[in-house]
Amino acid sequence: MDATLLLCDAAEAVNGKFYILGGGWSIILRPGVPTPLTLAVKLSVPWDQANQPHDIRAALMDADGTPVDMGQGPVQATGKFEVGRPPGLKPGTALDVLFVLPFGQLAFDAGSYVWLLEVNGDPVTREPFLVLPGQEGGEK
């Protein structure tokens, strides 16, 4: 399964399209300052995996691959999805599935982080980002 993961301030998935605010960033210059974080996830589900239930998990990890805990357990989202084949779709055509995973405002310590996206327990993509020392109120 192929996946695209985009870090954003906010996003919605409506009728097969993303509507994104502040998307595509990979560096934060405000350690310790609450920052809005939403993941926009686009999965390309192979034809032969349609009409089957799948588990999905997005987990925040530090540079060493350790789950990040911000006081209430690991920062992660889990769920299930299933996509059906629409009538008339050519056999073998992959199907897009869009998810938006809002995490609210998170205050990160300076360092390297990565979002790990898994489907059915298998990693499908990783999206790294950095939190660099900077000035409060600086650019994200």
C-alpha atoms as a PDB file:
ATOM      1  CA  MET A   1       0.000   0.000   0.000  1.00  0.00           C
ATOM      2  CA  ASP A   2       1.385   3.432  -0.913  1.00  0.00           C
ATOM      3  CA  ALA A   3       0.873   6.465   1.312  1.00  0.00           C
ATOM      4  CA  THR A   4       1.500  10.193   1.355  1.00  0.00           C
ATOM      5  CA  LEU A   5       1.716  11.983   4.692  1.00  0.00           C
ATOM      6  CA  LEU A   6       1.621  15.771   4.956  1.00  0.00           C
ATOM      7  CA  LEU A   7       2.181  17.794   8.137  1.00  0.00           C
ATOM      8  CA  CYS A   8      -0.274  20.706   8.409  1.00  0.00           C
ATOM      9  CA  ASP A   9      -1.720  23.191  10.844  1.00  0.00           C
ATOM     10  CA  ALA A  10      -5.257  22.088   9.935  1.00  0.00           C
ATOM     11  CA  ALA A  11      -6.963  20.063   7.210  1.00  0.00           C
ATOM     12  CA  GLU A  12     -10.262  18.577   6.100  1.00  0.00           C
ATOM     13  CA  ALA A  13     -10.990  15.732   3.699  1.00  0.00           C
ATOM     14  CA  VAL A  14     -14.180  16.373   1.720  1.00  0.00           C
ATOM     15  CA  ASN A  15     -15.410  14.471  -1.338  1.00  0.00           C
ATOM     16  CA  GLY A  16     -12.015  12.947  -2.087  1.00  0.00           C
ATOM     17  CA  LYS A  17     -10.039  16.199  -1.732  1.00  0.00           C
ATOM     18  CA  PHE A  18      -7.939  17.780   1.004  1.00  0.00           C
ATOM     19  CA  TYR A  19      -8.495  21.352   2.134  1.00  0.00           C
ATOM     20  CA  ILE A  20      -5.295  22.305   3.960  1.00  0.00           C
ATOM     21  CA  LEU A  21      -4.124  25.272   6.045  1.00  0.00           C
ATOM     22  CA  GLY A  22      -0.423  25.680   6.722  1.00  0.00           C
ATOM     23  CA  GLY A  23       0.591  22.417   5.060  1.00  0.00           C
ATOM     24  CA  GLY A  24       3.902  20.936   4.011  1.00  0.00           C
ATOM     25  CA  TRP A  25       6.156  22.103   6.821  1.00  0.00           C
ATOM     26  CA  SER A  26       9.095  20.109   8.206  1.00  0.00           C
ATOM     27  CA  ILE A  27      10.787  22.538  10.624  1.00  0.00           C
ATOM     28  CA  ILE A  28       9.507  24.240  13.779  1.00  0.00           C
ATOM     29  CA  LEU A  29      11.556  27.112  15.251  1.00  0.00           C
ATOM     30  CA  ARG A  30       9.568  27.402  18.497  1.00  0.00           C
ATOM     31  CA  PRO A  31      10.503  24.658  20.951  1.00  0.00           C
ATOM     32  CA  GLY A  32       8.172  24.488  23.915  1.00  0.00           C
ATOM     33  CA  VAL A  33       5.480  26.605  22.222  1.00  0.00           C
ATOM     34  CA  PRO A  34       2.174  24.836  21.446  1.00  0.00           C
ATOM     35  CA  THR A  35       1.955  24.274  17.691  1.00  0.00           C
ATOM     36  CA  PRO A  36      -1.127  23.053  15.800  1.00  0.00           C
ATOM     37  CA  LEU A  37      -0.494  19.692  14.175  1.00  0.00           C
ATOM     38  CA  THR A  38      -2.706  17.705  11.832  1.00  0.00           C
ATOM     39  CA  LEU A  39      -1.706  14.832   9.570  1.00  0.00           C
ATOM     40  CA  ALA A  40      -3.240  14.642   6.116  1.00  0.00           C
ATOM     41  CA  VAL A  41      -2.977  11.010   4.984  1.00  0.00           C
ATOM     42  CA  LYS A  42      -3.612   9.743   1.450  1.00  0.00           C
ATOM     43  CA  LEU A  43      -3.540   5.991   0.991  1.00  0.00           C
ATOM     44  CA  SER A  44      -3.502   4.245  -2.366  1.00  0.00           C
ATOM     45  CA  VAL A  45      -5.227   0.920  -1.696  1.00  0.00           C
ATOM     46  CA  PRO A  46      -4.432  -1.832  -4.226  1.00  0.00           C
ATOM     47  CA  TRP A  47      -7.395  -3.365  -6.080  1.00  0.00           C
ATOM     48  CA  ASP A  48      -6.960  -6.723  -4.358  1.00  0.00           C
ATOM     49  CA  GLN A  49      -7.073  -5.124  -0.880  1.00  0.00           C
ATOM     50  CA  ALA A  50     -10.401  -3.366  -1.420  1.00  0.00           C
ATOM     51  CA  ASN A  51     -13.520  -4.625   0.376  1.00  0.00           C
ATOM     52  CA  GLN A  52     -11.367  -5.776   3.301  1.00  0.00           C
ATOM     53  CA  PRO A  53     -10.956  -4.221   6.758  1.00  0.00           C
ATOM     54  CA  HIS A  54      -7.579  -2.607   7.479  1.00  0.00           C
ATOM     55  CA  ASP A  55      -5.984  -1.222  10.655  1.00  0.00           C
ATOM     56  CA  ILE A  56      -4.147   2.101  10.541  1.00  0.00           C
ATOM     57  CA  ARG A  57      -1.816   3.704  13.079  1.00  0.00           C
ATOM     58  CA  ALA A  58       0.098   6.988  13.027  1.00  0.00           C
ATOM     59  CA  ALA A  59       2.690   7.246  15.797  1.00  0.00           C
ATOM     60  CA  LEU A  60       5.060  10.060  16.746  1.00  0.00           C
ATOM     61  CA  MET A  61       8.608   8.840  17.391  1.00  0.00           C
ATOM     62  CA  ASP A  62      11.817  10.553  18.428  1.00  0.00           C
ATOM     63  CA  ALA A  63      15.080  10.283  16.476  1.00  0.00           C
ATOM     64  CA  ASP A  64      15.859   6.953  18.182  1.00  0.00           C
ATOM     65  CA  GLY A  65      12.507   5.403  17.239  1.00  0.00           C
ATOM     66  CA  THR A  66      11.090   5.682  20.753  1.00  0.00           C
ATOM     67  CA  PRO A  67       7.394   6.628  21.011  1.00  0.00           C
ATOM     68  CA  VAL A  68       6.936  10.236  22.155  1.00  0.00           C
ATOM     69  CA  ASP A  69       4.886  10.680  25.334  1.00  0.00           C
ATOM     70  CA  MET A  70       3.677  14.194  26.135  1.00  0.00           C
ATOM     71  CA  GLY A  71       2.213  13.296  29.507  1.00  0.00           C
ATOM     72  CA  GLN A  72      -0.869  11.289  28.516  1.00  0.00           C
ATOM     73  CA  GLY A  73       0.719   8.285  26.849  1.00  0.00           C
ATOM     74  CA  PRO A  74       2.219   7.899  23.380  1.00  0.00           C
ATOM     75  CA  VAL A  75       1.158  10.469  20.784  1.00  0.00           C
ATOM     76  CA  GLN A  76      -0.642   8.340  18.223  1.00  0.00           C
ATOM     77  CA  ALA A  77      -3.905   7.704  16.434  1.00  0.00           C
ATOM     78  CA  THR A  78      -5.366   4.318  15.538  1.00  0.00           C
ATOM     79  CA  GLY A  79      -8.375   3.240  13.587  1.00  0.00           C
ATOM     80  CA  LYS A  80      -9.886   0.977  10.990  1.00  0.00           C
ATOM     81  CA  PHE A  81     -10.950   1.552   7.401  1.00  0.00           C
ATOM     82  CA  GLU A  82     -12.386  -0.348   4.472  1.00  0.00           C
ATOM     83  CA  VAL A  83     -12.765   0.917   0.927  1.00  0.00           C
ATOM     84  CA  GLY A  84     -15.140  -0.562  -1.624  1.00  0.00           C
ATOM     85  CA  ARG A  85     -14.791  -0.658  -5.380  1.00  0.00           C
ATOM     86  CA  PRO A  86     -17.202   1.683  -7.170  1.00  0.00           C
ATOM     87  CA  PRO A  87     -19.240   0.244 -10.050  1.00  0.00           C
ATOM     88  CA  GLY A  88     -17.473   0.287 -13.405  1.00  0.00           C
ATOM     89  CA  LEU A  89     -13.948   0.713 -11.987  1.00  0.00           C
ATOM     90  CA  LYS A  90     -11.379  -1.010 -14.208  1.00  0.00           C
ATOM     91  CA  PRO A  91      -9.883  -4.111 -12.514  1.00  0.00           C
ATOM     92  CA  GLY A  92      -6.440  -3.417 -11.078  1.00  0.00           C
ATOM     93  CA  THR A  93      -7.134   0.275 -10.382  1.00  0.00           C
ATOM     94  CA  ALA A  94      -5.880   1.480  -7.007  1.00  0.00           C
ATOM     95  CA  LEU A  95      -8.364   3.303  -4.761  1.00  0.00           C
ATOM     96  CA  ASP A  96      -7.601   6.509  -2.866  1.00  0.00           C
ATOM     97  CA  VAL A  97      -8.537   6.871   0.790  1.00  0.00           C
ATOM     98  CA  LEU A  98      -8.071  10.208   2.577  1.00  0.00           C
ATOM     99  CA  PHE A  99      -7.778  10.689   6.341  1.00  0.00           C
ATOM    100  CA  VAL A 100      -7.242  13.742   8.495  1.00  0.00           C
ATOM    101  CA  LEU A 101      -5.762  13.110  11.925  1.00  0.00           C
ATOM    102  CA  PRO A 102      -5.872  16.253  14.113  1.00  0.00           C
ATOM    103  CA  PHE A 103      -3.631  16.199  17.180  1.00  0.00           C
ATOM    104  CA  GLY A 104      -4.471  19.664  18.493  1.00  0.00           C
ATOM    105  CA  GLN A 105      -1.653  21.828  19.806  1.00  0.00           C
ATOM    106  CA  LEU A 106       1.563  20.070  20.774  1.00  0.00           C
ATOM    107  CA  ALA A 107       4.618  21.643  22.436  1.00  0.00           C
ATOM    108  CA  PHE A 108       7.803  19.945  21.239  1.00  0.00           C
ATOM    109  CA  ASP A 109      11.261  19.982  22.778  1.00  0.00           C
ATOM    110  CA  ALA A 110      14.083  20.779  20.361  1.00  0.00           C
ATOM    111  CA  GLY A 111      15.106  17.655  18.449  1.00  0.00           C
ATOM    112  CA  SER A 112      14.332  15.316  15.569  1.00  0.00           C
ATOM    113  CA  TYR A 113      10.987  13.570  15.230  1.00  0.00           C
ATOM    114  CA  VAL A 114       9.265  11.292  12.752  1.00  0.00           C
ATOM    115  CA  TRP A 115       5.667  10.306  12.131  1.00  0.00           C
ATOM    116  CA  LEU A 116       5.402   6.604  11.360  1.00  0.00           C
ATOM    117  CA  LEU A 117       2.337   5.431   9.455  1.00  0.00           C
ATOM    118  CA  GLU A 118       1.442   1.734   9.588  1.00  0.00           C
ATOM    119  CA  VAL A 119      -1.306  -0.215   7.853  1.00  0.00           C
ATOM    120  CA  ASN A 120      -2.052  -3.671   9.238  1.00  0.00           C
ATOM    121  CA  GLY A 121       1.099  -3.418  11.378  1.00  0.00           C
ATOM    122  CA  ASP A 122       3.385  -2.781   8.386  1.00  0.00           C
ATOM    123  CA  PRO A 123       5.162   0.562   7.993  1.00  0.00           C
ATOM    124  CA  VAL A 124       3.992   2.319   4.807  1.00  0.00           C
ATOM    125  CA  THR A 125       5.644   5.746   5.174  1.00  0.00           C
ATOM    126  CA  ARG A 126       7.608   7.992   7.500  1.00  0.00           C
ATOM    127  CA  GLU A 127       7.574  11.796   7.661  1.00  0.00           C
ATOM    128  CA  PRO A 128      10.452  13.389   9.597  1.00  0.00           C
ATOM    129  CA  PHE A 129      10.530  16.915  11.011  1.00  0.00           C
ATOM    130  CA  LEU A 130      12.849  19.015  13.146  1.00  0.00           C
ATOM    131  CA  VAL A 131      12.279  21.312  16.102  1.00  0.00           C
ATOM    132  CA  LEU A 132      15.154  23.779  16.183  1.00  0.00           C
ATOM    133  CA  PRO A 133      16.049  26.315  18.839  1.00  0.00           C
ATOM    134  CA  GLY A 134      14.586  29.652  17.782  1.00  0.00           C
ATOM    135  CA  GLN A 135      12.758  32.677  18.995  1.00  0.00           C
ATOM    136  CA  GLU A 136       9.253  32.535  20.423  1.00  0.00           C
ATOM    137  CA  GLY A 137       6.880  33.778  17.760  1.00  0.00           C
ATOM    138  CA  GLY A 138       9.298  32.767  14.985  1.00  0.00           C
ATOM    139  CA  GLU A 139       8.171  31.035  11.827  1.00  0.00           C
ATOM    140  CA  LYS A 140       7.126  27.426  11.875  1.00  0.00           C
END
